[in-house]
């Protein structure tokens, strides 16, 4: 599974409506994740089912789905992305996450990767950048060429091979360790 881009945001979802619309027009899915935010009031039947320990309580209606899943301990970001944001090109995360900061500007966007200078984009350029797997990564340095090794003499195959000596027609082959009888 290809992990989505994570962009940290500080504003509400309405501020990013032009970017979401541009991404959807290009066939990209966008996710929204509020980390550490208080959960909205959950319908009582879902709250009750979650309290009983069901795996997941789901309510469907009015064009949306509400799912409640009990969790123990601190949520793990990787698990959240796998379970809820499969197929998204980008997830806009409001809350404490180490990810590039996306800020809305007049007529565009600013993306400030960690420890790098911010980059300006218009909506089309940002959506295009979301198609690349390493949009915000600093350019990788070109690897240094390997050091030239001094030319070594070519190794042979060891001792020169002696050709296989076959006895001539009618001659007996000497046994191993014995010498051939003198011809005479």
C-alpha atoms as a PDB file:
ATOM      1  CA  UNK A   1       0.000   0.000   0.000  1.00  0.00           C
ATOM      2  CA  UNK A   2       1.304   3.419  -0.949  1.00  0.00           C
ATOM      3  CA  UNK A   3       1.270   5.763   2.044  1.00  0.00           C
ATOM      4  CA  UNK A   4      -0.463   9.094   1.473  1.00  0.00           C
ATOM      5  CA  UNK A   5       1.273  12.432   1.819  1.00  0.00           C
ATOM      6  CA  UNK A   6       0.717  14.005   5.222  1.00  0.00           C
ATOM      7  CA  UNK A   7       0.330  17.758   5.431  1.00  0.00           C
ATOM      8  CA  UNK A   8      -0.084  19.418   8.818  1.00  0.00           C
ATOM      9  CA  UNK A   9      -2.714  22.166   8.895  1.00  0.00           C
ATOM     10  CA  UNK A  10      -3.745  24.648  11.552  1.00  0.00           C
ATOM     11  CA  UNK A  11      -7.022  25.923  10.052  1.00  0.00           C
ATOM     12  CA  UNK A  12     -10.386  24.221   9.626  1.00  0.00           C
ATOM     13  CA  UNK A  13     -11.424  22.211   6.569  1.00  0.00           C
ATOM     14  CA  UNK A  14     -13.264  25.123   4.883  1.00  0.00           C
ATOM     15  CA  UNK A  15      -9.973  26.970   4.414  1.00  0.00           C
ATOM     16  CA  UNK A  16      -8.746  24.114   2.192  1.00  0.00           C
ATOM     17  CA  UNK A  17     -11.889  23.767   0.049  1.00  0.00           C
ATOM     18  CA  UNK A  18     -10.187  25.069  -3.161  1.00  0.00           C
ATOM     19  CA  UNK A  19      -7.377  22.504  -2.814  1.00  0.00           C
ATOM     20  CA  UNK A  20      -9.814  19.659  -2.085  1.00  0.00           C
ATOM     21  CA  UNK A  21     -11.905  20.604  -5.134  1.00  0.00           C
ATOM     22  CA  UNK A  22      -8.821  20.803  -7.385  1.00  0.00           C
ATOM     23  CA  UNK A  23      -7.605  17.390  -6.169  1.00  0.00           C
ATOM     24  CA  UNK A  24     -11.026  15.787  -6.679  1.00  0.00           C
ATOM     25  CA  UNK A  25     -11.200  17.269 -10.206  1.00  0.00           C
ATOM     26  CA  UNK A  26      -7.922  15.449 -10.966  1.00  0.00           C
ATOM     27  CA  UNK A  27      -9.213  12.164  -9.507  1.00  0.00           C
ATOM     28  CA  UNK A  28      -7.212  12.333  -6.262  1.00  0.00           C
ATOM     29  CA  UNK A  29      -8.716  11.524  -2.887  1.00  0.00           C
ATOM     30  CA  UNK A  30      -8.123  13.796   0.082  1.00  0.00           C
ATOM     31  CA  UNK A  31      -8.508  12.799   3.736  1.00  0.00           C
ATOM     32  CA  UNK A  32      -8.948  14.876   6.876  1.00  0.00           C
ATOM     33  CA  UNK A  33      -7.659  13.776  10.281  1.00  0.00           C
ATOM     34  CA  UNK A  34      -8.143  15.627  13.562  1.00  0.00           C
ATOM     35  CA  UNK A  35      -5.570  14.293  16.012  1.00  0.00           C
ATOM     36  CA  UNK A  36      -6.278  14.900  19.663  1.00  0.00           C
ATOM     37  CA  UNK A  37      -9.496  16.812  18.980  1.00  0.00           C
ATOM     38  CA  UNK A  38     -12.481  16.172  21.201  1.00  0.00           C
ATOM     39  CA  UNK A  39     -14.855  13.713  19.558  1.00  0.00           C
ATOM     40  CA  UNK A  40     -18.227  15.125  18.596  1.00  0.00           C
ATOM     41  CA  UNK A  41     -21.272  13.759  20.344  1.00  0.00           C
ATOM     42  CA  UNK A  42     -21.689  10.206  19.128  1.00  0.00           C
ATOM     43  CA  UNK A  43     -25.224   8.843  18.654  1.00  0.00           C
ATOM     44  CA  UNK A  44     -26.247   6.957  21.809  1.00  0.00           C
ATOM     45  CA  UNK A  45     -26.676   3.509  20.181  1.00  0.00           C
ATOM     46  CA  UNK A  46     -23.131   3.702  18.751  1.00  0.00           C
ATOM     47  CA  UNK A  47     -21.707   4.885  22.064  1.00  0.00           C
ATOM     48  CA  UNK A  48     -23.454   2.055  23.875  1.00  0.00           C
ATOM     49  CA  UNK A  49     -22.231  -0.592  21.388  1.00  0.00           C
ATOM     50  CA  UNK A  50     -18.670   0.738  21.572  1.00  0.00           C
ATOM     51  CA  UNK A  51     -18.860   0.649  25.370  1.00  0.00           C
ATOM     52  CA  UNK A  52     -19.802  -3.048  25.216  1.00  0.00           C
ATOM     53  CA  UNK A  53     -16.596  -3.822  23.322  1.00  0.00           C
ATOM     54  CA  UNK A  54     -17.803  -4.388  19.749  1.00  0.00           C
ATOM     55  CA  UNK A  55     -15.091  -4.169  17.095  1.00  0.00           C
ATOM     56  CA  UNK A  56     -16.819  -1.277  15.329  1.00  0.00           C
ATOM     57  CA  UNK A  57     -20.226   0.406  15.563  1.00  0.00           C
ATOM     58  CA  UNK A  58     -21.482   1.989  12.319  1.00  0.00           C
ATOM     59  CA  UNK A  59     -24.472   4.171  11.523  1.00  0.00           C
ATOM     60  CA  UNK A  60     -25.392   4.900   7.886  1.00  0.00           C
ATOM     61  CA  UNK A  61     -27.846   7.502   6.684  1.00  0.00           C
ATOM     62  CA  UNK A  62     -28.329  10.963   5.167  1.00  0.00           C
ATOM     63  CA  UNK A  63     -25.402  10.630   2.763  1.00  0.00           C
ATOM     64  CA  UNK A  64     -22.765   9.814   5.352  1.00  0.00           C
ATOM     65  CA  UNK A  65     -21.441   7.057   7.560  1.00  0.00           C
ATOM     66  CA  UNK A  66     -20.488   7.418  11.194  1.00  0.00           C
ATOM     67  CA  UNK A  67     -18.198   4.753  12.618  1.00  0.00           C
ATOM     68  CA  UNK A  68     -17.095   4.348  16.205  1.00  0.00           C
ATOM     69  CA  UNK A  69     -14.203   2.073  17.047  1.00  0.00           C
ATOM     70  CA  UNK A  70     -13.015   1.699  20.612  1.00  0.00           C
ATOM     71  CA  UNK A  71      -9.255   2.152  20.958  1.00  0.00           C
ATOM     72  CA  UNK A  72      -6.951   1.364  23.816  1.00  0.00           C
ATOM     73  CA  UNK A  73      -3.983   3.577  24.420  1.00  0.00           C
ATOM     74  CA  UNK A  74      -2.582   6.231  22.120  1.00  0.00           C
ATOM     75  CA  UNK A  75      -3.629   5.929  18.458  1.00  0.00           C
ATOM     76  CA  UNK A  76      -0.843   4.893  16.082  1.00  0.00           C
ATOM     77  CA  UNK A  77      -0.699   7.124  13.015  1.00  0.00           C
ATOM     78  CA  UNK A  78       0.381   4.327  10.675  1.00  0.00           C
ATOM     79  CA  UNK A  79      -2.620   2.226  11.747  1.00  0.00           C
ATOM     80  CA  UNK A  80      -5.011   5.157  11.318  1.00  0.00           C
ATOM     81  CA  UNK A  81      -3.744   5.779   7.792  1.00  0.00           C
ATOM     82  CA  UNK A  82      -4.066   2.105   6.847  1.00  0.00           C
ATOM     83  CA  UNK A  83      -7.573   1.688   8.277  1.00  0.00           C
ATOM     84  CA  UNK A  84      -9.211   4.969   7.320  1.00  0.00           C
ATOM     85  CA  UNK A  85      -7.304   6.633   4.490  1.00  0.00           C
ATOM     86  CA  UNK A  86      -6.482   3.851   2.029  1.00  0.00           C
ATOM     87  CA  UNK A  87      -6.457   5.277  -1.491  1.00  0.00           C
ATOM     88  CA  UNK A  88      -5.962   8.902  -0.424  1.00  0.00           C
ATOM     89  CA  UNK A  89      -3.224  10.891  -2.130  1.00  0.00           C
ATOM     90  CA  UNK A  90      -2.976  13.294   0.795  1.00  0.00           C
ATOM     91  CA  UNK A  91      -4.283  13.488   4.354  1.00  0.00           C
ATOM     92  CA  UNK A  92      -4.599  16.923   5.910  1.00  0.00           C
ATOM     93  CA  UNK A  93      -3.817  16.485   9.610  1.00  0.00           C
ATOM     94  CA  UNK A  94      -4.839  18.990  12.241  1.00  0.00           C
ATOM     95  CA  UNK A  95      -2.974  18.227  15.437  1.00  0.00           C
ATOM     96  CA  UNK A  96       0.443  17.159  16.637  1.00  0.00           C
ATOM     97  CA  UNK A  97       2.173  15.374  13.780  1.00  0.00           C
ATOM     98  CA  UNK A  98       5.626  15.867  12.288  1.00  0.00           C
ATOM     99  CA  UNK A  99       4.758  16.690   8.709  1.00  0.00           C
ATOM    100  CA  UNK A 100       5.204  19.611   6.319  1.00  0.00           C
ATOM    101  CA  UNK A 101       2.974  22.590   7.184  1.00  0.00           C
ATOM    102  CA  UNK A 102       0.360  23.562   4.586  1.00  0.00           C
ATOM    103  CA  UNK A 103      -0.774  27.170   4.805  1.00  0.00           C
ATOM    104  CA  UNK A 104      -3.353  28.929   2.639  1.00  0.00           C
ATOM    105  CA  UNK A 105      -2.064  32.101   0.978  1.00  0.00           C
ATOM    106  CA  UNK A 106      -3.750  34.660  -1.212  1.00  0.00           C
ATOM    107  CA  UNK A 107      -4.135  32.841  -4.530  1.00  0.00           C
ATOM    108  CA  UNK A 108      -2.149  29.760  -3.557  1.00  0.00           C
ATOM    109  CA  UNK A 109      -0.524  27.600  -0.949  1.00  0.00           C
ATOM    110  CA  UNK A 110       2.675  27.395   1.032  1.00  0.00           C
ATOM    111  CA  UNK A 111       4.228  24.068   1.975  1.00  0.00           C
ATOM    112  CA  UNK A 112       6.982  24.241   4.588  1.00  0.00           C
ATOM    113  CA  UNK A 113       8.773  20.889   4.846  1.00  0.00           C
ATOM    114  CA  UNK A 114      10.558  20.159   8.110  1.00  0.00           C
ATOM    115  CA  UNK A 115      13.925  21.976   8.259  1.00  0.00           C
ATOM    116  CA  UNK A 116      13.538  23.344   4.715  1.00  0.00           C
ATOM    117  CA  UNK A 117      12.387  26.626   3.203  1.00  0.00           C
ATOM    118  CA  UNK A 118       8.699  26.986   2.365  1.00  0.00           C
ATOM    119  CA  UNK A 119       7.645  26.459  -1.244  1.00  0.00           C
ATOM    120  CA  UNK A 120       4.765  28.327  -2.940  1.00  0.00           C
ATOM    121  CA  UNK A 121       2.244  26.547  -5.152  1.00  0.00           C
ATOM    122  CA  UNK A 122      -0.972  27.345  -6.931  1.00  0.00           C
ATOM    123  CA  UNK A 123      -3.693  24.684  -6.604  1.00  0.00           C
ATOM    124  CA  UNK A 124      -2.852  22.950  -9.902  1.00  0.00           C
ATOM    125  CA  UNK A 125       0.884  22.758  -9.111  1.00  0.00           C
ATOM    126  CA  UNK A 126       0.217  21.442  -5.597  1.00  0.00           C
ATOM    127  CA  UNK A 127      -2.136  18.756  -6.906  1.00  0.00           C
ATOM    128  CA  UNK A 128       0.522  17.794  -9.449  1.00  0.00           C
ATOM    129  CA  UNK A 129       3.134  17.578  -6.686  1.00  0.00           C
ATOM    130  CA  UNK A 130       0.846  15.214  -4.754  1.00  0.00           C
ATOM    131  CA  UNK A 131       1.238  12.654  -7.550  1.00  0.00           C
ATOM    132  CA  UNK A 132       4.979  12.378  -6.839  1.00  0.00           C
ATOM    133  CA  UNK A 133       6.047  10.035  -4.022  1.00  0.00           C
ATOM    134  CA  UNK A 134       8.714  12.436  -2.673  1.00  0.00           C
ATOM    135  CA  UNK A 135       7.152  15.855  -3.246  1.00  0.00           C
ATOM    136  CA  UNK A 136       8.580  17.552  -0.170  1.00  0.00           C
ATOM    137  CA  UNK A 137      11.827  15.658   0.290  1.00  0.00           C
ATOM    138  CA  UNK A 138      15.021  17.636  -0.226  1.00  0.00           C
ATOM    139  CA  UNK A 139      16.776  16.775  -3.462  1.00  0.00           C
ATOM    140  CA  UNK A 140      18.967  13.759  -2.985  1.00  0.00           C
ATOM    141  CA  UNK A 141      22.663  14.365  -3.543  1.00  0.00           C
ATOM    142  CA  UNK A 142      24.093  12.523  -6.484  1.00  0.00           C
ATOM    143  CA  UNK A 143      26.186   9.598  -5.328  1.00  0.00           C
ATOM    144  CA  UNK A 144      29.926  10.087  -5.694  1.00  0.00           C
ATOM    145  CA  UNK A 145      31.470   8.041  -8.468  1.00  0.00           C
ATOM    146  CA  UNK A 146      33.357   5.017  -7.207  1.00  0.00           C
ATOM    147  CA  UNK A 147      37.091   5.610  -6.814  1.00  0.00           C
ATOM    148  CA  UNK A 148      39.129   4.368  -9.706  1.00  0.00           C
ATOM    149  CA  UNK A 149      41.025   1.239  -8.853  1.00  0.00           C
ATOM    150  CA  UNK A 150      44.520   0.692 -10.226  1.00  0.00           C
ATOM    151  CA  UNK A 151      44.518  -1.822 -13.003  1.00  0.00           C
ATOM    152  CA  UNK A 152      45.657  -5.189 -11.772  1.00  0.00           C
ATOM    153  CA  UNK A 153      47.179  -7.838 -13.920  1.00  0.00           C
ATOM    154  CA  UNK A 154      44.577 -10.299 -15.037  1.00  0.00           C
ATOM    155  CA  UNK A 155      44.620 -13.509 -13.207  1.00  0.00           C
ATOM    156  CA  UNK A 156      45.061 -16.631 -15.234  1.00  0.00           C
ATOM    157  CA  UNK A 157      43.617 -19.976 -14.379  1.00  0.00           C
ATOM    158  CA  UNK A 158      46.529 -21.005 -12.255  1.00  0.00           C
ATOM    159  CA  UNK A 159      48.903 -23.600 -13.688  1.00  0.00           C
ATOM    160  CA  UNK A 160      48.681 -24.117 -17.415  1.00  0.00           C
ATOM    161  CA  UNK A 161      46.525 -27.090 -18.161  1.00  0.00           C
ATOM    162  CA  UNK A 162      48.168 -30.036 -19.625  1.00  0.00           C
ATOM    163  CA  UNK A 163      46.361 -31.506 -22.485  1.00  0.00           C
ATOM    164  CA  UNK A 164      44.828 -34.885 -21.903  1.00  0.00           C
ATOM    165  CA  UNK A 165      47.115 -37.490 -23.266  1.00  0.00           C
ATOM    166  CA  UNK A 166      45.204 -40.217 -24.997  1.00  0.00           C
ATOM    167  CA  UNK A 167      46.842 -43.431 -25.916  1.00  0.00           C
ATOM    168  CA  UNK A 168      47.210 -44.085 -29.594  1.00  0.00           C
ATOM    169  CA  UNK A 169      45.112 -46.688 -31.177  1.00  0.00           C
ATOM    170  CA  UNK A 170      46.211 -50.074 -30.016  1.00  0.00           C
ATOM    171  CA  UNK A 171      48.371 -48.799 -27.145  1.00  0.00           C
ATOM    172  CA  UNK A 172      47.577 -49.528 -23.574  1.00  0.00           C
ATOM    173  CA  UNK A 173      47.228 -46.684 -21.186  1.00  0.00           C
ATOM    174  CA  UNK A 174      49.708 -46.811 -18.305  1.00  0.00           C
ATOM    175  CA  UNK A 175      48.203 -47.288 -14.879  1.00  0.00           C
ATOM    176  CA  UNK A 176      48.306 -44.474 -12.487  1.00  0.00           C
ATOM    177  CA  UNK A 177      51.666 -44.270 -10.694  1.00  0.00           C
ATOM    178  CA  UNK A 178      53.387 -46.574 -13.197  1.00  0.00           C
ATOM    179  CA  UNK A 179      55.531 -45.464 -16.060  1.00  0.00           C
ATOM    180  CA  UNK A 180      54.923 -46.527 -19.594  1.00  0.00           C
ATOM    181  CA  UNK A 181      57.131 -49.322 -20.843  1.00  0.00           C
ATOM    182  CA  UNK A 182      59.985 -48.141 -23.033  1.00  0.00           C
ATOM    183  CA  UNK A 183      59.298 -48.410 -26.722  1.00  0.00           C
ATOM    184  CA  UNK A 184      61.708 -50.408 -28.559  1.00  0.00           C
END
